[in-house]
Amino acid sequence: IAFSHAGYSLGSTKNALATGIAAREFQLIRVDNNVQGEVVLAKPVREYQGRLGRFQVLDFSEVRTPGRYVIKAGELATRPFRIADEVWKETIWKVVNFFFCERCGYAVPGSHDVCHRDWQAAHGDKRIIMNGGWHDAGDLSQGLVNTGEATYAMFALAERMKIRGEDPELLAALLAEARWGLDWILKVRFEGGYRIGFAGMNIWTNGILGDADDRVREARNNPTVNYIAAAAEAIAARVLRDSDPELAARSLRLAEDDWRYAIAGQESPETWATPAYAATPMELAAMGVLASAELYRATGKQLYAEKAFELGRIVVASQHTNYVGWQFPLAGFFCTGPDRSNIFHQFHRGNDQAPVVALAALCRLFPEHQDWIRWYSAVALYAEYQKRAASSTEPYGVLPAYVYKDTEYLQVPEGGGLYQATREAFREQVLNGMPLGDGYYLRAFPVWFARRGNYGVLLSQAKGLAAAAQLRSDLAAADLAQKQLQWVVGRNPFAQSTMYGHGYDWAQLYSVSSGDIVGALPVGMQTRGASDAPYWPAQNCYVYKEVWVHPAARWLWL
């Protein structure tokens, strides 16, 4: 029986999934203080036949009494899970623990001493020792993109907890980790907008400058990197204004600097730290909206509002508002830019939340603006797109990856593209998606090649959906966003939690440099070959089972 090992929120839909069980009825048994348990619900097992096959659904949504429960169907039973208001809090503690254990430049008990004291960022003849922040993954890499986004996510969650007066102990741990990330953002920067977007590292160095194991990475002036830095610094300034006014003031000053460099910067191969972090015009505009909105909130200066309005128009114009397909019509997904010539796709790092979070921020900040209805309509259309698309993966309700056109394979160079991409493999994967009609297909998983694993994409989309749900008070969208978390922690075809140390039957993840870490999330489930079905083999190998701060950051933000 596949169920959410973290449990179920009181007001959410609650069901578990099975195939091939003989029982016609199931029981929900409360096991709080009773070894035998108390049967609180007995219902028929519902048969479900859909596009993905035949399933059995064990639905207990009507139960809203907090407690520990098991599901029993004939001789088959689950292990205990909770129904409660705060079923995700334990995962937050564990993910914060993961970040603590991924700290670079810090003596992590049981893992490593202060590290990488000879790792240097360079700009011309200037050098900065760049340890700090968090190691990026199973290796020891580091960079502003992931560290900046994780820092932003932590401060955003901390701000919400602070407003609600929730769990002071967890709030303190979260803020301590957020400040650790902020320290690196403020430290590793050169004048003129030059930062380290990403720097690969796969060895423990000896900390002595001038010998063979030194690593030096050249800083670059990239607008994506500077927008991410500005957003993180601006939200930090707001959250820390009362508790640490000196740090808040410094953070805000550098946020304004980074923003100026971002709006003047050029997104190009010459400024990329890695092609994996290249931003489309839509993404760049959306990240610019968020950074501008955060600076407007922190300063009240109109120039930030005006830039947010300008960039918001690019984001709105990048949405595909006309329906594609006739068998399963869809509209509301985003394209790479306002010309809408290419559908927006990613396959490793996900940034799908960017346009929705940006437009939702504009709606909240400027309710009287003339473009408000355009912003709101775009958010609403995206939410309806995701709800409609997710119906194709019932009964799991997993957000599909993307809509593809059957001619997109022609964009791959004839001799092959990045990460071992070929035209033939691209087209085969597209055609294995669900036909929409008129040459369009919907894939549950991205088209991908050497780098596989979809939690970056899935959790980014879930964050976008949650932002839309919050703006619209859309309970169905909020419930669907929670189902993406449930998928990660057990309500999946493998009935296995994939967060290390949480739930049941979690497997060892690829964390070769720092050891096993409670709260780690992998790059994510992959597919086998050109298929469009989840594949989670037992062997422990990168990339799909490699731990990564990117999905962990998205988890906290969601």
Protein backbone atom coordinates (compact mmCIF):
# COMPACT_ATOMS: atom_id res chain seq x y z
CA ILE A 1 0.00 0.00 0.00
CA ALA A 2 1.52 3.31 -1.10
CA PHE A 3 0.82 6.10 1.38
CA SER A 4 2.37 9.35 2.57
CA HIS A 5 4.91 8.36 5.22
CA ALA A 6 4.95 11.93 6.55
CA GLY A 7 1.20 11.70 7.03
CA TYR A 8 -1.69 13.87 5.90
CA SER A 9 -2.73 17.40 6.81
CA LEU A 10 -6.07 17.66 8.57
CA GLY A 11 -7.90 19.41 5.75
CA SER A 12 -6.27 17.65 2.81
CA THR A 13 -7.60 14.81 0.72
CA LYS A 14 -6.27 11.58 2.19
CA ASN A 15 -5.85 8.37 0.27
CA ALA A 16 -3.49 5.49 -0.23
CA LEU A 17 -3.02 3.44 -3.39
CA ALA A 18 -2.62 -0.25 -4.12
CA THR A 19 -2.88 -2.81 -6.90
CA GLY A 20 -3.90 -6.44 -6.75
CA ILE A 21 -5.12 -6.65 -3.15
CA ALA A 22 -7.95 -9.12 -2.63
CA ALA A 23 -9.74 -7.27 0.16
CA ARG A 24 -12.94 -5.46 -0.79
CA GLU A 25 -12.86 -3.27 2.32
CA PHE A 26 -10.19 -1.44 4.25
CA GLN A 27 -10.01 -0.14 7.80
CA LEU A 28 -8.37 2.98 9.19
CA ILE A 29 -7.12 2.13 12.67
CA ARG A 30 -6.01 4.67 15.25
CA VAL A 31 -2.98 3.43 17.21
CA ASP A 32 -2.10 6.36 19.46
CA ASN A 33 -2.28 4.71 22.88
CA ASN A 34 -3.70 1.35 22.04
CA VAL A 35 -1.57 -1.58 20.90
CA GLN A 36 -4.60 -3.26 19.32
CA GLY A 37 -5.84 -0.03 17.81
CA GLU A 38 -9.30 1.42 17.39
CA VAL A 39 -11.09 1.10 14.06
CA VAL A 40 -12.31 4.61 13.22
CA LEU A 41 -13.36 4.01 9.62
CA ALA A 42 -14.30 1.05 7.44
CA LYS A 43 -14.95 1.65 3.74
CA PRO A 44 -15.00 -0.20 0.44
CA VAL A 45 -11.81 -0.28 -1.59
CA ARG A 46 -12.53 1.80 -4.69
CA GLU A 47 -11.44 0.43 -8.06
CA TYR A 48 -9.93 3.00 -10.41
CA GLN A 49 -9.23 2.47 -14.09
CA GLY A 50 -7.30 5.23 -15.83
CA ARG A 51 -4.67 6.01 -18.42
CA LEU A 52 -1.94 4.52 -16.24
CA GLY A 53 -3.80 1.28 -15.55
CA ARG A 54 -5.93 -0.29 -12.84
CA PHE A 55 -5.52 0.81 -9.23
CA GLN A 56 -7.24 0.49 -5.89
CA VAL A 57 -7.89 3.68 -3.95
CA LEU A 58 -8.28 3.66 -0.17
CA ASP A 59 -9.79 7.05 0.61
CA PHE A 60 -10.23 8.35 4.17
CA SER A 61 -10.48 12.09 3.53
CA GLU A 62 -13.36 12.48 5.98
CA VAL A 63 -11.12 11.66 8.97
CA ARG A 64 -9.86 14.88 10.54
CA THR A 65 -9.02 13.80 14.07
CA PRO A 66 -5.30 14.19 14.84
CA GLY A 67 -3.49 10.98 15.70
CA ARG A 68 -1.36 8.06 14.54
CA TYR A 69 -3.03 5.60 12.20
CA VAL A 70 -2.49 2.49 10.11
CA ILE A 71 -4.45 1.23 7.12
CA LYS A 72 -5.44 -2.43 7.03
CA ALA A 73 -6.87 -4.25 4.01
CA GLY A 74 -7.27 -7.96 4.59
CA GLU A 75 -3.93 -9.26 5.85
CA LEU A 76 -2.04 -6.29 4.43
CA ALA A 77 -1.30 -3.28 6.64
CA THR A 78 0.75 -0.11 6.47
CA ARG A 79 3.12 1.14 9.11
CA PRO A 80 1.98 4.08 11.24
CA PHE A 81 1.52 7.58 9.87
CA ARG A 82 0.04 10.78 11.28
CA ILE A 83 -2.96 12.93 10.55
CA ALA A 84 -2.15 16.35 11.97
CA ASP A 85 -1.93 20.08 11.35
CA GLU A 86 1.86 20.09 11.07
CA VAL A 87 2.76 16.84 9.32
CA TRP A 88 5.55 18.53 7.33
CA LYS A 89 7.34 20.13 10.30
CA GLU A 90 9.54 17.09 10.94
CA THR A 91 10.72 17.19 7.33
CA ILE A 92 11.66 20.87 7.75
CA TRP A 93 13.82 19.99 10.75
CA LYS A 94 15.49 17.23 8.76
CA VAL A 95 16.11 19.33 5.66
CA VAL A 96 17.63 22.07 7.83
CA ASN A 97 19.85 19.34 9.28
CA PHE A 98 20.88 18.38 5.74
CA PHE A 99 21.95 21.95 5.02
CA PHE A 100 23.89 22.13 8.28
CA CYS A 101 25.77 18.96 7.35
CA GLU A 102 26.48 20.35 3.86
CA ARG A 103 28.15 23.46 5.28
CA CYS A 104 31.43 24.36 3.62
CA GLY A 105 34.16 26.02 5.69
CA TYR A 106 32.68 24.73 8.93
CA ALA A 107 33.60 21.85 11.23
CA VAL A 108 30.60 19.55 10.84
CA PRO A 109 30.61 16.95 13.66
CA GLY A 110 30.99 13.43 12.32
CA SER A 111 31.68 14.63 8.78
CA HIS A 112 34.61 17.00 8.27
CA ASP A 113 36.71 19.78 9.77
CA VAL A 114 36.81 23.37 8.50
CA CYS A 115 37.35 22.82 4.79
CA HIS A 116 38.47 24.46 1.54
CA ARG A 117 40.51 27.28 3.06
CA ASP A 118 42.56 27.35 -0.16
CA TRP A 119 39.62 27.51 -2.60
CA GLN A 120 39.70 30.90 -4.28
CA ALA A 121 37.39 33.10 -6.30
CA ALA A 122 39.30 35.34 -8.71
CA HIS A 123 38.65 38.55 -10.60
CA GLY A 124 41.69 39.92 -12.36
CA ASP A 125 44.49 39.96 -9.80
CA LYS A 126 42.08 39.91 -6.82
CA ARG A 127 41.33 36.79 -4.76
CA ILE A 128 38.73 35.79 -2.15
CA ILE A 129 38.81 32.58 -0.12
CA MET A 130 35.44 31.22 -1.15
CA ASN A 131 34.66 28.55 1.42
CA GLY A 132 31.35 28.97 3.21
CA GLY A 133 27.75 28.46 2.27
CA TRP A 134 26.88 24.88 1.43
CA HIS A 135 28.43 22.16 -0.66
CA ASP A 136 26.18 21.71 -3.64
CA ALA A 137 25.56 17.97 -3.86
CA GLY A 138 27.20 14.59 -3.43
CA ASP A 139 30.38 16.35 -4.52
CA LEU A 140 31.76 19.52 -2.89
CA SER A 141 30.87 22.17 -5.45
CA GLN A 142 29.54 25.59 -4.52
CA GLY A 143 27.88 28.55 -6.20
CA LEU A 144 25.60 31.52 -5.80
CA VAL A 145 22.67 30.07 -7.75
CA ASN A 146 21.90 27.26 -5.32
CA THR A 147 23.23 28.95 -2.19
CA GLY A 148 21.34 32.15 -3.04
CA GLU A 149 18.06 30.37 -3.73
CA ALA A 150 18.39 28.26 -0.58
CA THR A 151 19.07 31.37 1.50
CA TYR A 152 16.03 33.08 0.02
CA ALA A 153 13.84 30.04 0.72
CA MET A 154 14.99 29.89 4.34
CA PHE A 155 14.34 33.57 5.01
CA ALA A 156 10.93 33.33 3.29
CA LEU A 157 9.91 30.40 5.48
CA ALA A 158 11.36 32.07 8.59
CA GLU A 159 9.40 35.25 7.88
CA ARG A 160 6.16 33.30 7.63
CA MET A 161 6.88 31.36 10.84
CA LYS A 162 7.78 34.59 12.64
CA ILE A 163 4.51 36.28 11.61
CA ARG A 164 2.51 33.27 12.78
CA GLY A 165 4.45 32.88 16.02
CA GLU A 166 5.33 29.27 15.22
CA ASP A 167 7.91 27.03 16.92
CA PRO A 168 10.66 29.37 18.19
CA GLU A 169 13.21 26.56 18.32
CA LEU A 170 12.75 25.63 14.66
CA LEU A 171 12.68 29.30 13.70
CA ALA A 172 16.04 29.83 15.43
CA ALA A 173 17.60 26.85 13.62
CA LEU A 174 16.22 28.02 10.29
CA LEU A 175 17.50 31.57 10.78
CA ALA A 176 20.93 30.31 11.83
CA GLU A 177 21.19 28.34 8.59
CA ALA A 178 19.85 31.24 6.52
CA ARG A 179 22.45 33.57 8.03
CA TRP A 180 25.19 31.06 7.20
CA GLY A 181 24.15 31.23 3.54
CA LEU A 182 23.83 35.01 3.65
CA ASP A 183 27.36 35.32 5.01
CA TRP A 184 28.73 33.58 1.92
CA ILE A 185 26.61 35.71 -0.42
CA LEU A 186 27.97 38.89 1.17
CA LYS A 187 31.55 37.63 1.29
CA VAL A 188 32.19 36.13 -2.14
CA ARG A 189 31.63 39.07 -4.48
CA PHE A 190 33.74 41.56 -6.42
CA GLU A 191 32.85 45.08 -7.45
CA GLY A 192 31.13 45.36 -10.79
CA GLY A 193 28.73 42.45 -10.27
CA TYR A 194 31.30 39.66 -10.45
CA ARG A 195 30.33 36.55 -8.52
CA ILE A 196 30.74 32.78 -8.56
CA GLY A 197 27.59 31.37 -10.13
CA PHE A 198 28.93 27.82 -9.87
CA ALA A 199 32.31 26.27 -9.14
CA GLY A 200 32.96 22.55 -9.36
CA MET A 201 34.91 20.84 -6.55
CA ASN A 202 35.38 17.14 -5.87
CA ILE A 203 38.30 16.93 -3.43
CA TRP A 204 39.03 17.81 0.18
CA THR A 205 41.94 20.25 -0.02
CA ASN A 206 44.66 20.70 2.60
CA GLY A 207 43.93 24.37 3.33
CA ILE A 208 47.43 25.54 2.39
CA LEU A 209 47.67 28.25 -0.24
CA GLY A 210 50.24 27.84 -2.99
CA ASP A 211 50.44 24.08 -3.46
CA ALA A 212 49.09 21.54 -5.92
CA ASP A 213 45.55 21.11 -4.60
CA ASP A 214 44.57 24.79 -4.78
CA ARG A 215 41.50 25.54 -6.87
CA VAL A 216 40.80 28.94 -8.43
CA ARG A 217 37.53 29.90 -10.14
CA GLU A 218 37.09 33.07 -12.19
CA ALA A 219 34.12 35.24 -11.20
CA ARG A 220 31.68 36.42 -13.87
CA ASN A 221 29.13 39.21 -14.14
CA ASN A 222 25.87 37.39 -14.83
CA PRO A 223 22.40 38.96 -14.41
CA THR A 224 20.72 35.75 -13.23
CA VAL A 225 23.29 35.37 -10.47
CA ASN A 226 22.97 39.01 -9.44
CA TYR A 227 19.16 38.92 -9.37
CA ILE A 228 19.25 35.83 -7.15
CA ALA A 229 21.76 37.53 -4.85
CA ALA A 230 19.71 40.74 -4.70
CA ALA A 231 16.49 38.90 -3.84
CA ALA A 232 18.18 36.92 -1.05
CA GLU A 233 19.89 39.99 0.38
CA ALA A 234 16.72 42.08 0.25
CA ILE A 235 14.52 39.54 2.04
CA ALA A 236 17.30 39.03 4.59
CA ALA A 237 17.39 42.78 5.23
CA ARG A 238 13.68 42.79 5.94
CA VAL A 239 13.68 39.71 8.18
CA LEU A 240 16.78 40.81 10.16
CA ARG A 241 15.91 44.50 10.44
CA ASP A 242 14.88 44.32 14.11
CA SER A 243 17.17 41.55 15.37
CA ASP A 244 20.39 42.60 13.61
CA PRO A 245 20.03 46.10 12.09
CA GLU A 246 23.71 46.38 11.17
CA LEU A 247 23.72 43.16 9.14
CA ALA A 248 20.34 44.08 7.63
CA ALA A 249 21.65 47.46 6.48
CA ARG A 250 24.74 45.91 4.90
CA SER A 251 22.65 43.26 3.20
CA LEU A 252 20.28 45.87 1.78
CA ARG A 253 23.12 48.04 0.51
CA LEU A 254 24.65 45.12 -1.39
CA ALA A 255 21.21 44.04 -2.66
CA GLU A 256 20.81 47.44 -4.32
CA ASP A 257 24.29 47.12 -5.84
CA ASP A 258 23.62 43.64 -7.17
CA TRP A 259 20.28 44.74 -8.63
CA ARG A 260 21.96 47.57 -10.56
CA TYR A 261 24.49 45.14 -12.01
CA ALA A 262 21.72 42.66 -12.87
CA ILE A 263 19.58 45.09 -14.89
CA ALA A 264 22.66 46.17 -16.86
CA GLY A 265 24.05 42.65 -17.29
CA GLN A 266 24.04 40.34 -20.30
CA GLU A 267 22.88 36.72 -20.20
CA SER A 268 25.29 34.96 -22.58
CA PRO A 269 27.75 32.05 -22.74
CA GLU A 270 30.50 34.51 -21.80
CA THR A 271 28.80 35.24 -18.47
CA TRP A 272 27.50 31.74 -17.62
CA ALA A 273 29.23 29.78 -14.89
CA THR A 274 27.75 26.64 -16.50
CA PRO A 275 25.26 26.09 -19.35
CA ALA A 276 23.04 24.26 -16.84
CA TYR A 277 22.19 27.63 -15.23
CA ALA A 278 21.58 29.60 -18.43
CA ALA A 279 18.36 31.60 -18.16
CA THR A 280 15.76 32.22 -20.85
CA PRO A 281 14.34 35.74 -21.34
CA MET A 282 11.18 34.69 -19.44
CA GLU A 283 13.18 33.34 -16.48
CA LEU A 284 15.44 36.37 -16.35
CA ALA A 285 12.46 38.73 -16.33
CA ALA A 286 10.71 36.68 -13.63
CA MET A 287 13.78 36.65 -11.39
CA GLY A 288 14.11 40.37 -11.99
CA VAL A 289 10.51 40.91 -10.89
CA LEU A 290 11.11 39.02 -7.65
CA ALA A 291 14.34 40.90 -6.85
CA SER A 292 12.69 44.23 -7.69
CA ALA A 293 9.62 43.41 -5.59
CA GLU A 294 11.77 42.45 -2.60
CA LEU A 295 13.75 45.68 -2.90
CA TYR A 296 10.55 47.70 -3.16
CA ARG A 297 9.29 46.05 0.03
CA ALA A 298 12.58 46.79 1.76
CA THR A 299 13.00 50.39 0.59
CA GLY A 300 9.71 51.71 -0.81
CA LYS A 301 11.63 53.20 -3.75
CA GLN A 302 9.52 53.60 -6.87
CA LEU A 303 12.31 52.70 -9.31
CA TYR A 304 12.10 49.10 -8.13
CA ALA A 305 8.35 49.05 -8.66
CA GLU A 306 8.71 50.48 -12.17
CA LYS A 307 11.29 47.85 -13.12
CA ALA A 308 9.03 45.12 -11.71
CA PHE A 309 6.13 46.40 -13.86
CA GLU A 310 8.34 46.47 -16.96
CA LEU A 311 9.66 42.95 -16.43
CA GLY A 312 6.22 41.69 -15.45
CA ARG A 313 4.95 42.53 -18.92
CA ILE A 314 7.62 40.25 -20.39
CA VAL A 315 6.55 37.41 -18.09
CA VAL A 316 2.85 37.78 -18.95
CA ALA A 317 3.62 37.92 -22.67
CA SER A 318 5.61 34.67 -22.38
CA GLN A 319 2.61 32.58 -21.35
CA HIS A 320 0.97 30.33 -23.93
CA THR A 321 -2.67 31.33 -23.54
CA ASN A 322 -4.10 29.55 -26.59
CA TYR A 323 -5.03 25.90 -26.22
CA VAL A 324 -2.90 23.28 -27.96
CA GLY A 325 -4.15 19.84 -28.89
CA TRP A 326 -7.68 18.59 -29.40
CA GLN A 327 -7.56 15.22 -27.63
CA PHE A 328 -6.51 16.76 -24.30
CA PRO A 329 -6.41 20.56 -24.76
CA LEU A 330 -4.00 22.52 -22.56
CA ALA A 331 -3.11 26.20 -22.14
CA GLY A 332 -1.33 28.24 -19.48
CA PHE A 333 2.20 26.87 -19.64
CA PHE A 334 5.10 29.24 -20.26
CA CYS A 335 7.40 29.77 -23.21
CA THR A 336 11.03 30.89 -23.15
CA GLY A 337 10.16 34.47 -24.09
CA PRO A 338 7.45 36.87 -25.26
CA ASP A 339 7.70 35.72 -28.89
CA ARG A 340 6.38 32.34 -27.64
CA SER A 341 8.36 30.51 -30.33
CA ASN A 342 9.69 27.85 -27.93
CA ILE A 343 7.97 26.10 -25.02
CA PHE A 344 9.88 26.43 -21.74
CA HIS A 345 11.48 23.14 -20.67
CA GLN A 346 14.07 22.10 -18.11
CA PHE A 347 15.35 18.68 -17.11
CA HIS A 348 17.73 19.02 -14.14
CA ARG A 349 17.59 22.25 -12.18
CA GLY A 350 14.03 23.56 -12.13
CA ASN A 351 12.98 27.21 -12.25
CA ASP A 352 9.33 26.67 -13.16
CA GLN A 353 8.11 28.59 -10.11
CA ALA A 354 9.79 31.82 -11.25
CA PRO A 355 7.02 33.36 -13.41
CA VAL A 356 4.20 32.43 -11.03
CA VAL A 357 5.96 33.55 -7.86
CA ALA A 358 6.89 36.81 -9.59
CA LEU A 359 3.36 37.58 -10.79
CA ALA A 360 1.81 36.57 -7.48
CA ALA A 361 4.20 38.99 -5.72
CA LEU A 362 3.09 41.80 -8.04
CA CYS A 363 -0.58 41.01 -7.33
CA ARG A 364 -0.07 41.23 -3.58
CA LEU A 365 2.07 44.38 -3.65
CA PHE A 366 0.19 46.45 -6.22
CA PRO A 367 -3.53 45.59 -6.10
CA GLU A 368 -4.52 48.93 -7.71
CA HIS A 369 -2.15 48.71 -10.68
CA GLN A 370 -3.65 48.73 -14.17
CA ASP A 371 -1.91 45.44 -15.01
CA TRP A 372 -3.22 43.64 -11.92
CA ILE A 373 -5.84 41.64 -13.80
CA ARG A 374 -3.22 40.53 -16.35
CA TRP A 375 -0.94 39.30 -13.59
CA TYR A 376 -3.78 37.57 -11.78
CA SER A 377 -5.17 36.00 -14.95
CA ALA A 378 -1.76 34.55 -15.82
CA VAL A 379 -1.44 33.02 -12.35
CA ALA A 380 -4.96 31.62 -12.52
CA LEU A 381 -4.43 30.14 -15.98
CA TYR A 382 -1.21 28.46 -14.83
CA ALA A 383 -2.97 26.90 -11.83
CA GLU A 384 -5.78 25.59 -14.04
CA TYR A 385 -3.19 24.21 -16.48
CA GLN A 386 -1.45 22.29 -13.71
CA LYS A 387 -4.68 20.92 -12.28
CA ARG A 388 -5.83 19.78 -15.71
CA ALA A 389 -2.43 18.31 -16.61
CA ALA A 390 -2.19 16.42 -13.29
CA SER A 391 -5.44 14.62 -14.06
CA SER A 392 -3.44 12.67 -16.66
CA THR A 393 -1.37 11.01 -13.91
CA GLU A 394 -4.24 9.98 -11.65
CA PRO A 395 -4.57 8.39 -9.19
CA TYR A 396 -1.15 9.73 -8.15
CA GLY A 397 -1.89 13.30 -9.28
CA VAL A 398 1.76 14.04 -10.03
CA LEU A 399 2.43 17.26 -11.96
CA PRO A 400 3.57 16.30 -15.47
CA ALA A 401 6.80 17.85 -16.67
CA TYR A 402 6.04 19.67 -19.91
CA VAL A 403 4.15 19.98 -23.16
CA TYR A 404 6.36 19.19 -26.18
CA LYS A 405 5.89 19.66 -29.93
CA ASP A 406 6.87 16.74 -32.14
CA THR A 407 9.20 18.95 -34.20
CA GLU A 408 11.33 20.16 -31.27
CA TYR A 409 13.93 17.48 -31.87
CA LEU A 410 15.13 19.60 -34.82
CA GLN A 411 16.55 22.09 -32.31
CA VAL A 412 19.16 19.51 -31.27
CA PRO A 413 22.32 19.91 -33.38
CA GLU A 414 22.69 17.19 -35.99
CA GLY A 415 25.94 16.05 -34.43
CA GLY A 416 24.42 15.90 -30.92
CA GLY A 417 23.84 18.37 -28.12
CA LEU A 418 24.64 18.91 -24.46
CA TYR A 419 24.60 15.96 -22.07
CA GLN A 420 24.66 13.39 -24.90
CA ALA A 421 21.45 14.64 -26.51
CA THR A 422 20.59 13.30 -29.96
CA ARG A 423 17.74 14.12 -32.30
CA GLU A 424 16.59 10.52 -32.44
CA ALA A 425 16.45 10.07 -28.67
CA PHE A 426 14.73 13.44 -28.19
CA ARG A 427 11.99 12.60 -30.68
CA GLU A 428 11.50 9.08 -29.32
CA GLN A 429 10.99 10.43 -25.80
CA VAL A 430 8.49 13.05 -27.00
CA LEU A 431 6.47 10.45 -28.91
CA ASN A 432 6.30 8.30 -25.76
CA GLY A 433 4.41 11.08 -24.01
CA MET A 434 0.63 11.39 -23.92
CA PRO A 435 -0.71 12.64 -27.29
CA LEU A 436 -2.62 15.92 -27.01
CA GLY A 437 -3.36 16.24 -30.73
CA ASP A 438 -1.96 18.46 -33.50
CA GLY A 439 1.56 17.15 -32.88
CA TYR A 440 1.69 18.09 -29.18
CA TYR A 441 2.54 15.67 -26.37
CA LEU A 442 2.47 15.86 -22.58
CA ARG A 443 5.29 14.07 -20.79
CA ALA A 444 5.15 13.12 -17.10
CA PHE A 445 8.95 13.37 -17.01
CA PRO A 446 11.22 15.75 -18.93
CA VAL A 447 13.03 14.84 -22.11
CA TRP A 448 16.53 14.25 -20.81
CA PHE A 449 19.75 12.42 -21.49
CA ALA A 450 22.83 12.10 -19.25
CA ARG A 451 21.34 14.05 -16.32
CA ARG A 452 18.16 12.41 -15.07
CA GLY A 453 16.07 12.97 -11.96
CA ASN A 454 13.04 15.23 -11.74
CA TYR A 455 12.71 16.61 -8.19
CA GLY A 456 14.19 19.97 -9.23
CA VAL A 457 11.49 20.36 -11.86
CA LEU A 458 8.67 18.76 -9.82
CA LEU A 459 9.20 20.75 -6.62
CA SER A 460 9.69 23.99 -8.58
CA GLN A 461 6.36 23.42 -10.29
CA ALA A 462 4.77 22.57 -6.96
CA LYS A 463 6.08 25.84 -5.52
CA GLY A 464 4.55 27.74 -8.43
CA LEU A 465 1.24 25.96 -7.89
CA ALA A 466 1.34 26.69 -4.14
CA ALA A 467 1.99 30.39 -4.83
CA ALA A 468 -1.04 30.43 -7.14
CA ALA A 469 -3.13 28.59 -4.53
CA GLN A 470 -2.22 31.08 -1.82
CA LEU A 471 -3.03 34.07 -4.02
CA ARG A 472 -6.39 32.67 -5.15
CA SER A 473 -7.39 30.83 -1.94
CA ASP A 474 -7.55 27.78 -4.21
CA LEU A 475 -7.86 24.74 -1.92
CA ALA A 476 -7.75 22.27 -4.80
CA ALA A 477 -4.43 23.70 -6.01
CA ALA A 478 -3.01 23.69 -2.47
CA ASP A 479 -4.07 20.06 -2.05
CA LEU A 480 -2.42 19.14 -5.36
CA ALA A 481 0.81 20.87 -4.26
CA GLN A 482 0.84 18.70 -1.13
CA LYS A 483 0.47 15.58 -3.26
CA GLN A 484 3.87 16.34 -4.80
CA LEU A 485 5.41 16.18 -1.31
CA GLN A 486 3.50 12.97 -0.63
CA TRP A 487 4.91 11.46 -3.83
CA VAL A 488 8.45 12.12 -2.58
CA VAL A 489 7.82 10.48 0.82
CA GLY A 490 6.03 7.28 -0.09
CA ARG A 491 2.83 7.79 -2.06
CA ASN A 492 4.57 6.59 -5.21
CA PRO A 493 4.76 3.34 -7.22
CA PHE A 494 7.67 2.10 -5.10
CA ALA A 495 5.88 2.74 -1.77
CA GLN A 496 9.23 4.13 -0.60
CA SER A 497 10.23 7.42 0.98
CA THR A 498 13.04 9.04 -0.98
CA MET A 499 14.04 11.53 1.73
CA TYR A 500 16.94 9.98 3.60
CA GLY A 501 16.04 9.31 7.23
CA HIS A 502 12.36 10.14 6.95
CA GLY A 503 9.50 7.70 6.62
CA TYR A 504 10.09 4.07 5.70
CA ASP A 505 12.28 2.05 3.34
CA TRP A 506 14.43 5.01 2.28
CA ALA A 507 17.57 3.98 0.46
CA GLN A 508 21.14 5.14 0.76
CA LEU A 509 21.74 8.14 -1.50
CA TYR A 510 24.82 9.13 -3.48
CA SER A 511 26.62 11.33 -0.96
CA VAL A 512 30.17 10.17 -1.51
CA SER A 513 31.95 13.20 -0.05
CA SER A 514 29.98 14.00 3.10
CA GLY A 515 28.43 10.67 4.10
CA ASP A 516 24.81 9.77 4.78
CA ILE A 517 22.79 12.81 5.91
CA VAL A 518 19.29 12.79 7.40
CA GLY A 519 17.02 15.13 5.44
CA ALA A 520 18.82 14.71 2.13
CA LEU A 521 16.80 14.63 -1.06
CA PRO A 522 18.13 13.14 -4.29
CA VAL A 523 18.07 14.67 -7.76
CA GLY A 524 14.96 12.53 -8.14
CA MET A 525 13.19 9.71 -9.89
CA GLN A 526 14.23 9.11 -13.47
CA THR A 527 12.91 7.17 -16.45
CA ARG A 528 14.37 4.14 -18.16
CA GLY A 529 15.53 4.77 -21.71
CA ALA A 530 12.95 6.68 -23.74
CA SER A 531 9.98 5.65 -21.60
CA ASP A 532 7.78 8.06 -19.65
CA ALA A 533 7.30 5.97 -16.51
CA PRO A 534 9.05 6.40 -13.13
CA TYR A 535 12.23 4.36 -12.69
CA TRP A 536 13.98 4.07 -9.32
CA PRO A 537 16.51 1.22 -9.47
CA ALA A 538 18.16 -0.13 -6.35
CA GLN A 539 21.74 0.73 -7.27
CA ASN A 540 23.15 3.91 -5.76
CA CYS A 541 24.58 6.08 -8.52
CA TYR A 542 24.68 9.70 -9.66
CA VAL A 543 22.91 11.67 -10.99
CA TYR A 544 19.43 10.50 -10.00
CA LYS A 545 20.32 9.34 -6.47
CA GLU A 546 22.85 12.07 -5.80
CA VAL A 547 21.98 14.37 -2.89
CA TRP A 548 21.47 17.96 -3.98
CA VAL A 549 20.71 21.20 -2.19
CA HIS A 550 18.46 22.36 -5.04
CA PRO A 551 15.44 20.09 -4.33
CA ALA A 552 16.06 20.55 -0.60
CA ALA A 553 15.81 24.33 -1.02
CA ARG A 554 12.63 23.96 -3.07
CA TRP A 555 11.20 21.73 -0.31
CA LEU A 556 11.71 24.46 2.30
CA TRP A 557 10.32 27.16 0.01
CA LEU A 558 7.24 25.06 -0.76
